[in-house]
PDB file of N, CA and C in Angstrom:
ATOM      1  N   MET A   1      45.730  41.671 153.170  1.00  0.00           N
ATOM      2  CA  MET A   1      46.743  41.030 154.232  1.00  0.00           C
ATOM      3  C   MET A   1      46.598  39.642 154.097  1.00  0.00           C
ATOM      4  N   LYS A   2      47.499  39.070 153.856  1.00  0.00           N
ATOM      5  CA  LYS A   2      47.844  37.534 153.783  1.00  0.00           C
ATOM      6  C   LYS A   2      48.570  37.239 155.094  1.00  0.00           C
ATOM      7  N   TYR A   3      48.684  35.890 155.472  1.00  0.00           N
ATOM      8  CA  TYR A   3      49.618  35.063 156.539  1.00  0.00           C
ATOM      9  C   TYR A   3      51.158  35.207 156.128  1.00  0.00           C
ATOM     10  N   SER A   4      51.421  35.018 154.916  1.00  0.00           N
ATOM     11  CA  SER A   4      52.626  35.454 154.239  1.00  0.00           C
ATOM     12  C   SER A   4      53.156  36.798 154.357  1.00  0.00           C
ATOM     13  N   ASP A   5      52.667  37.694 154.440  1.00  0.00           N
ATOM     14  CA  ASP A   5      53.070  39.037 154.504  1.00  0.00           C
ATOM     15  C   ASP A   5      53.685  39.531 155.768  1.00  0.00           C
ATOM     16  N   TYR A   6      53.338  38.559 156.627  1.00  0.00           N
ATOM     17  CA  TYR A   6      53.985  38.550 158.229  1.00  0.00           C
ATOM     18  C   TYR A   6      54.896  37.662 158.546  1.00  0.00           C
ATOM     19  N   GLN A   7      55.205  36.554 157.832  1.00  0.00           N
ATOM     20  CA  GLN A   7      55.847  35.579 158.266  1.00  0.00           C
ATOM     21  C   GLN A   7      57.244  36.067 158.814  1.00  0.00           C
ATOM     22  N   HIS A   8      57.909  37.240 158.181  1.00  0.00           N
ATOM     23  CA  HIS A   8      59.178  37.620 158.909  1.00  0.00           C
ATOM     24  C   HIS A   8      58.827  37.943 160.277  1.00  0.00           C
ATOM     25  N   LEU A   9      58.085  38.091 160.905  1.00  0.00           N
ATOM     26  CA  LEU A   9      57.864  38.298 162.102  1.00  0.00           C
ATOM     27  C   LEU A   9      58.347  37.114 163.022  1.00  0.00           C
ATOM     28  N   LEU A  10      58.133  35.650 162.628  1.00  0.00           N
ATOM     29  CA  LEU A  10      58.183  34.752 163.558  1.00  0.00           C
ATOM     30  C   LEU A  10      59.914  34.893 164.060  1.00  0.00           C
ATOM     31  N   GLY A  11      59.960  34.506 165.309  1.00  0.00           N
ATOM     32  CA  GLY A  11      61.364  34.643 165.855  1.00  0.00           C
ATOM     33  C   GLY A  11      61.788  35.941 166.497  1.00  0.00           C
ATOM     34  N   LYS A  12      60.964  37.038 166.125  1.00  0.00           N
ATOM     35  CA  LYS A  12      61.300  38.209 166.711  1.00  0.00           C
ATOM     36  C   LYS A  12      60.865  38.528 168.020  1.00  0.00           C
ATOM     37  N   ASN A  13      61.683  39.357 168.728  1.00  0.00           N
ATOM     38  CA  ASN A  13      61.245  39.687 170.151  1.00  0.00           C
ATOM     39  C   ASN A  13      60.409  40.739 170.101  1.00  0.00           C
ATOM     40  N   LYS A  14      59.779  41.380 171.212  1.00  0.00           N
ATOM     41  CA  LYS A  14      58.985  42.151 171.502  1.00  0.00           C
ATOM     42  C   LYS A  14      59.679  43.580 171.469  1.00  0.00           C
ATOM     43  N   ILE A  15      60.927  43.633 171.993  1.00  0.00           N
ATOM     44  CA  ILE A  15      61.570  45.203 171.450  1.00  0.00           C
ATOM     45  C   ILE A  15      61.829  45.423 169.983  1.00  0.00           C
ATOM     46  N   GLN A  16      61.811  44.261 169.114  1.00  0.00           N
ATOM     47  CA  GLN A  16      61.598  44.569 167.737  1.00  0.00           C
ATOM     48  C   GLN A  16      60.431  44.667 167.105  1.00  0.00           C
ATOM     49  N   LEU A  17      59.417  43.952 167.535  1.00  0.00           N
ATOM     50  CA  LEU A  17      58.107  44.400 167.535  1.00  0.00           C
ATOM     51  C   LEU A  17      57.707  45.999 167.575  1.00  0.00           C
ATOM     52  N   ILE A  18      58.291  46.483 168.815  1.00  0.00           N
ATOM     53  CA  ILE A  18      57.660  47.642 169.320  1.00  0.00           C
ATOM     54  C   ILE A  18      58.548  48.731 168.034  1.00  0.00           C
ATOM     55  N   ASN A  19      59.924  48.450 167.823  1.00  0.00           N
ATOM     56  CA  ASN A  19      60.355  49.271 166.620  1.00  0.00           C
ATOM     57  C   ASN A  19      59.886  49.020 165.366  1.00  0.00           C
ATOM     58  N   ASP A  20      59.090  47.968 165.143  1.00  0.00           N
ATOM     59  CA  ASP A  20      58.354  48.162 163.698  1.00  0.00           C
ATOM     60  C   ASP A  20      56.990  48.479 163.679  1.00  0.00           C
ATOM     61  N   PHE A  21      56.283  48.433 164.780  1.00  0.00           N
ATOM     62  CA  PHE A  21      54.820  48.789 164.869  1.00  0.00           C
ATOM     63  C   PHE A  21      54.369  49.595 165.720  1.00  0.00           C
ATOM     64  N   GLY A  22      55.108  49.816 166.850  1.00  0.00           N
ATOM     65  CA  GLY A  22      54.818  51.009 168.021  1.00  0.00           C
ATOM     66  C   GLY A  22      54.408  49.466 169.038  1.00  0.00           C
ATOM     67  N   GLN A  23      53.981  50.382 170.162  1.00  0.00           N
ATOM     68  CA  GLN A  23      53.264  49.722 171.489  1.00  0.00           C
ATOM     69  C   GLN A  23      52.181  49.421 171.366  1.00  0.00           C
ATOM     70  N   GLU A  24      51.378  50.478 170.996  1.00  0.00           N
ATOM     71  CA  GLU A  24      49.835  50.446 170.756  1.00  0.00           C
ATOM     72  C   GLU A  24      49.199  50.117 172.088  1.00  0.00           C
ATOM     73  N   PHE A  25      48.332  49.439 172.466  1.00  0.00           N
ATOM     74  CA  PHE A  25      47.498  48.977 173.684  1.00  0.00           C
ATOM     75  C   PHE A  25      48.127  47.678 174.057  1.00  0.00           C
ATOM     76  N   ASN A  26      49.206  47.128 173.819  1.00  0.00           N
ATOM     77  CA  ASN A  26      49.550  45.872 174.173  1.00  0.00           C
ATOM     78  C   ASN A  26      50.437  45.684 175.697  1.00  0.00           C
ATOM     79  N   TYR A  27      50.116  45.032 176.326  1.00  0.00           N
ATOM     80  CA  TYR A  27      50.597  44.841 177.884  1.00  0.00           C
ATOM     81  C   TYR A  27      51.819  43.938 177.668  1.00  0.00           C
ATOM     82  N   TYR A  28      52.932  44.846 177.889  1.00  0.00           N
ATOM     83  CA  TYR A  28      54.256  44.135 177.666  1.00  0.00           C
ATOM     84  C   TYR A  28      54.443  43.053 178.226  1.00  0.00           C
ATOM     85  N   PRO A  29      54.172  42.314 179.299  1.00  0.00           N
ATOM     86  CA  PRO A  29      54.276  41.183 179.962  1.00  0.00           C
ATOM     87  C   PRO A  29      53.474  40.024 179.143  1.00  0.00           C
ATOM     88  N   ASP A  30      52.454  40.346 178.476  1.00  0.00           N
ATOM     89  CA  ASP A  30      51.433  39.245 177.932  1.00  0.00           C
ATOM     90  C   ASP A  30      52.115  38.761 176.902  1.00  0.00           C
ATOM     91  N   ASN A  31      51.736  37.475 176.575  1.00  0.00           N
ATOM     92  CA  ASN A  31      52.113  36.345 175.799  1.00  0.00           C
ATOM     93  C   ASN A  31      51.543  36.526 174.628  1.00  0.00           C
ATOM     94  N   ILE A  32      50.297  37.529 174.246  1.00  0.00           N
ATOM     95  CA  ILE A  32      49.511  37.725 173.130  1.00  0.00           C
ATOM     96  C   ILE A  32      49.618  39.361 172.835  1.00  0.00           C
ATOM     97  N   TRP A  33      50.107  39.785 171.736  1.00  0.00           N
ATOM     98  CA  TRP A  33      49.647  40.998 171.321  1.00  0.00           C
ATOM     99  C   TRP A  33      49.129  41.173 169.939  1.00  0.00           C
ATOM    100  N   THR A  34      48.188  42.300 169.798  1.00  0.00           N
ATOM    101  CA  THR A  34      47.181  42.540 168.805  1.00  0.00           C
ATOM    102  C   THR A  34      47.708  43.649 168.238  1.00  0.00           C
ATOM    103  N   TYR A  35      47.392  43.705 166.819  1.00  0.00           N
ATOM    104  CA  TYR A  35      47.689  45.085 165.781  1.00  0.00           C
ATOM    105  C   TYR A  35      46.551  44.950 165.203  1.00  0.00           C
ATOM    106  N   ILE A  36      45.731  46.254 165.034  1.00  0.00           N
ATOM    107  CA  ILE A  36      45.022  46.312 163.614  1.00  0.00           C
ATOM    108  C   ILE A  36      45.647  46.745 162.509  1.00  0.00           C
ATOM    109  N   ILE A  37      45.588  45.737 161.598  1.00  0.00           N
ATOM    110  CA  ILE A  37      46.332  46.025 160.301  1.00  0.00           C
ATOM    111  C   ILE A  37      45.465  46.700 159.262  1.00  0.00           C
ATOM    112  N   LYS A  38      44.026  46.553 159.169  1.00  0.00           N
ATOM    113  CA  LYS A  38      42.968  47.154 158.332  1.00  0.00           C
ATOM    114  C   LYS A  38      41.652  47.137 158.869  1.00  0.00           C
ATOM    115  N   THR A  39      41.270  48.321 158.497  1.00  0.00           N
ATOM    116  CA  THR A  39      39.906  48.806 159.009  1.00  0.00           C
ATOM    117  C   THR A  39      39.115  49.014 157.717  1.00  0.00           C
ATOM    118  N   GLY A  40      38.076  48.362 157.958  1.00  0.00           N
ATOM    119  CA  GLY A  40      37.105  48.705 156.593  1.00  0.00           C
ATOM    120  C   GLY A  40      35.957  49.585 156.789  1.00  0.00           C
ATOM    121  N   TRP A  41      35.513  49.728 155.978  1.00  0.00           N
ATOM    122  CA  TRP A  41      34.391  51.062 155.964  1.00  0.00           C
ATOM    123  C   TRP A  41      32.832  50.443 156.647  1.00  0.00           C
ATOM    124  N   MET A  42      33.104  49.411 156.367  1.00  0.00           N
ATOM    125  CA  MET A  42      31.769  48.893 157.067  1.00  0.00           C
ATOM    126  C   MET A  42      31.605  48.339 158.602  1.00  0.00           C
ATOM    127  N   GLY A  43      32.866  49.139 159.299  1.00  0.00           N
ATOM    128  CA  GLY A  43      33.409  48.474 160.739  1.00  0.00           C
ATOM    129  C   GLY A  43      34.257  47.345 160.762  1.00  0.00           C
ATOM    130  N   SER A  44      34.490  46.699 159.644  1.00  0.00           N
ATOM    131  CA  SER A  44      35.722  45.469 159.830  1.00  0.00           C
ATOM    132  C   SER A  44      36.574  45.778 160.121  1.00  0.00           C
ATOM    133  N   LYS A  45      37.382  44.880 160.839  1.00  0.00           N
ATOM    134  CA  LYS A  45      38.824  44.983 161.415  1.00  0.00           C
ATOM    135  C   LYS A  45      39.665  43.907 161.147  1.00  0.00           C
ATOM    136  N   SER A  46      40.466  43.796 160.305  1.00  0.00           N
ATOM    137  CA  SER A  46      41.601  42.834 160.649  1.00  0.00           C
ATOM    138  C   SER A  46      42.650  42.915 161.692  1.00  0.00           C
ATOM    139  N   VAL A  47      42.690  41.805 162.217  1.00  0.00           N
ATOM    140  CA  VAL A  47      43.656  41.988 163.338  1.00  0.00           C
ATOM    141  C   VAL A  47      44.741  40.907 163.085  1.00  0.00           C
ATOM    142  N   LEU A  48      46.112  41.509 163.499  1.00  0.00           N
ATOM    143  CA  LEU A  48      47.261  40.611 163.457  1.00  0.00           C
ATOM    144  C   LEU A  48      47.375  40.106 164.826  1.00  0.00           C
ATOM    145  N   ILE A  49      47.107  38.973 165.329  1.00  0.00           N
ATOM    146  CA  ILE A  49      47.359  38.564 166.454  1.00  0.00           C
ATOM    147  C   ILE A  49      48.579  37.812 166.621  1.00  0.00           C
ATOM    148  N   LEU A  50      49.657  38.332 167.513  1.00  0.00           N
ATOM    149  CA  LEU A  50      50.904  37.482 167.676  1.00  0.00           C
ATOM    150  C   LEU A  50      50.922  36.646 169.121  1.00  0.00           C
ATOM    151  N   PHE A  51      51.544  35.453 168.908  1.00  0.00           N
ATOM    152  CA  PHE A  51      51.680  34.585 170.196  1.00  0.00           C
ATOM    153  C   PHE A  51      52.831  34.699 170.506  1.00  0.00           C
ATOM    154  N   PHE A  52      53.353  34.749 171.669  1.00  0.00           N
ATOM    155  CA  PHE A  52      54.994  34.604 172.051  1.00  0.00           C
ATOM    156  C   PHE A  52      55.023  33.453 172.874  1.00  0.00           C
ATOM    157  N   LYS A  53      56.534  32.752 172.802  1.00  0.00           N
ATOM    158  CA  LYS A  53      56.839  31.560 173.388  1.00  0.00           C
ATOM    159  C   LYS A  53      57.979  32.071 173.798  1.00  0.00           C
ATOM    160  N   ASP A  54      58.559  32.021 175.210  1.00  0.00           N
ATOM    161  CA  ASP A  54      60.118  32.556 175.571  1.00  0.00           C
ATOM    162  C   ASP A  54      60.522  34.237 175.239  1.00  0.00           C
ATOM    163  N   ASP A  55      59.364  35.003 175.019  1.00  0.00           N
ATOM    164  CA  ASP A  55      59.258  36.321 174.503  1.00  0.00           C
ATOM    165  C   ASP A  55      59.836  36.524 172.993  1.00  0.00           C
ATOM    166  N   VAL A  56      59.901  35.485 172.416  1.00  0.00           N
ATOM    167  CA  VAL A  56      59.723  35.645 170.730  1.00  0.00           C
ATOM    168  C   VAL A  56      58.636  35.223 170.023  1.00  0.00           C
ATOM    169  N   VAL A  57      58.231  35.785 169.030  1.00  0.00           N
ATOM    170  CA  VAL A  57      57.022  35.278 168.046  1.00  0.00           C
ATOM    171  C   VAL A  57      57.049  33.778 167.854  1.00  0.00           C
ATOM    172  N   SER A  58      55.775  33.056 168.127  1.00  0.00           N
ATOM    173  CA  SER A  58      55.937  31.767 167.921  1.00  0.00           C
ATOM    174  C   SER A  58      54.901  31.513 166.935  1.00  0.00           C
ATOM    175  N   THR A  59      53.857  32.199 166.991  1.00  0.00           N
ATOM    176  CA  THR A  59      52.403  32.048 165.991  1.00  0.00           C
ATOM    177  C   THR A  59      51.973  33.218 165.550  1.00  0.00           C
ATOM    178  N   ILE A  60      51.438  33.119 164.286  1.00  0.00           N
ATOM    179  CA  ILE A  60      51.109  34.488 163.968  1.00  0.00           C
ATOM    180  C   ILE A  60      49.450  34.009 163.251  1.00  0.00           C
ATOM    181  N   LYS A  61      48.394  34.847 163.611  1.00  0.00           N
ATOM    182  CA  LYS A  61      46.967  34.638 163.220  1.00  0.00           C
ATOM    183  C   LYS A  61      46.681  35.883 162.637  1.00  0.00           C
ATOM    184  N   ILE A  62      45.780  35.826 161.626  1.00  0.00           N
ATOM    185  CA  ILE A  62      45.031  36.903 161.299  1.00  0.00           C
ATOM    186  C   ILE A  62      43.620  36.856 160.988  1.00  0.00           C
ATOM    187  N   LYS A  63      42.753  37.485 161.696  1.00  0.00           N
ATOM    188  CA  LYS A  63      41.364  37.363 162.045  1.00  0.00           C
ATOM    189  C   LYS A  63      40.635  38.720 161.456  1.00  0.00           C
ATOM    190  N   THR A  64      39.622  38.738 160.996  1.00  0.00           N
ATOM    191  CA  THR A  64      38.718  39.861 160.951  1.00  0.00           C
ATOM    192  C   THR A  64      37.518  39.890 161.623  1.00  0.00           C
ATOM    193  N   PHE A  65      37.321  40.848 162.145  1.00  0.00           N
ATOM    194  CA  PHE A  65      35.982  41.303 163.198  1.00  0.00           C
ATOM    195  C   PHE A  65      35.175  42.233 162.710  1.00  0.00           C
ATOM    196  N   TYR A  66      33.863  42.017 162.952  1.00  0.00           N
ATOM    197  CA  TYR A  66      32.662  42.799 162.494  1.00  0.00           C
ATOM    198  C   TYR A  66      32.462  43.573 163.911  1.00  0.00           C
ATOM    199  N   GLY A  67      32.319  44.871 164.057  1.00  0.00           N
ATOM    200  CA  GLY A  67      31.764  45.631 165.381  1.00  0.00           C
ATOM    201  C   GLY A  67      33.018  45.379 166.557  1.00  0.00           C
ATOM    202  N   LYS A  68      32.855  45.075 167.832  1.00  0.00           N
ATOM    203  CA  LYS A  68      33.757  45.156 168.830  1.00  0.00           C
ATOM    204  C   LYS A  68      34.654  43.981 168.955  1.00  0.00           C
ATOM    205  N   ILE A  69      35.563  44.010 169.077  1.00  0.00           N
ATOM    206  CA  ILE A  69      36.394  42.812 169.420  1.00  0.00           C
ATOM    207  C   ILE A  69      36.304  42.445 170.766  1.00  0.00           C
ATOM    208  N   LYS A  70      35.847  41.130 170.796  1.00  0.00           N
ATOM    209  CA  LYS A  70      35.926  40.664 172.032  1.00  0.00           C
ATOM    210  C   LYS A  70      37.073  39.319 172.365  1.00  0.00           C
ATOM    211  N   THR A  71      37.862  39.811 173.727  1.00  0.00           N
ATOM    212  CA  THR A  71      38.568  38.788 174.444  1.00  0.00           C
ATOM    213  C   THR A  71      38.441  37.993 175.229  1.00  0.00           C
TER     214      THR A  71
END
């Protein structure tokens, strides 16, 4: 999973993301949403992190975590 795979999400609003990815465990009014995009066999998780400004995606990050995701 590369950043370029998700650049098309920039500028989308929350309703469009829910239609594409589902609600998952994201709190609708929050300005940061996360989606697990890959789970490895050693417990690693690649997470898509979406940052909103004025209810549209303004920044995208992908991070890989091992173990529990701490927020």
